[in-house]
Amino acid sequence: MASFKDQGNEEFKKENYLKAAALYTQAIKEDPKNAVLYSNRSAALLKLNKVTKAMEDAEMCISLKPEWEKGYFRKGAVLEATDKMHEALDVYQAAAKLVAGGEAAHKELSNKIRSLCKLLKIKVSAAAHKEDTLDGMLVAAATAVAGGDSERAGKLGAFGRELAAMVLDNVAQSGTDFPPSLHFLPGPGAEAHEERDTNVLAAKAFDAPETLNEFVVGMREKGARLAAAAVLAVVPKAAVAFPQLWLRKGWPTACGSKQQPGVFVQMELRGAGAAGRHMWFVPVRADKSAESPVPLSVAEFGLLPQILE
């Protein structure tokens, strides 16, 4: 019969995190000084959003095996999940110092450090634009990829400001009762006859997997014709039958309950890779006022796959 640890690993792979945590607990009872077991249980507990217990296990892992980077990685993951990004980055960087060969030798750790550095760069930039506003977040995310190209930064920033204003105006007038839409920023290579046709209604796009797939194909073709530099989707939650992101594990508590009305805003910037894909959920109150946008992971909660090839 497989050990409790091995059984827990199998359940974790199947995303049965509660069962996995229980099996790791059984394994810990048999071997209470095994740092690996606390590391594994910390990961399972974090998936269940039990952040306090996940942190306790991460700390125990570190105390049992302080020279092993995995405990610090688990601690960093908990800090990241609780939006303590600067602290998480410090812990990840401490973990990198323990890896033979440094950060580059641990791919997952290296990716974490790079993505957090980019995120914090965006957040710092957003502070100058009222970081807790949709306008600030869109402008900061858009201009962060422009580097030293002031012309590109100006166009992307104006695109972000214009669409943030449009979203908030729609919410003020209609709450969340308006159709989803996609908005393109044409690039210099756009076909002339396409230049004026940059906004697309997507009323039925999120009805089912088939309609969404068909919509994505069409939008990729349009993005190519426009040589689009950016695309932004504005999608009221009430208009989404598929995919219902808020039912997935890990839905952020900052977004409110699963019944919380709101609007998804997803942005993609050409040529920037993962650093150019961003998403937010804007909770909407009963009086048609918008709360502060909540950043979401596109990898976990993206409404749309990549549009700009």
Foldseek 3Di string as FASTA:
>chain_A
DDQLQVVLVVCVVVVVLVSSLVSLVVVCVVPVLDLVSLLSNLVSVVLVVVLVSSLVSLVSSCVSPVLALSSLLSNLVSCVLVVVLVVSLVSLQVSQVSDVVGLVVDVVSVVSNVVSVLVVQLQVQLVVVVSQAQLSNQLSLQLSQVPPPVVSSVLSSVVSNVVSVVLLVCLQVPNLPDFKKKFFAFDPQADVVCNVVGMGTLQCCQVDPVSVVVVLVVLLVSCVNRVTQKMKIKHWLVSHPPPLLLPDRSNRCVLPHSPFTWIKMWMAGPPPPLSRTWIWTWGADPNSGTGGTDTDRCVRRNPHDDRHD
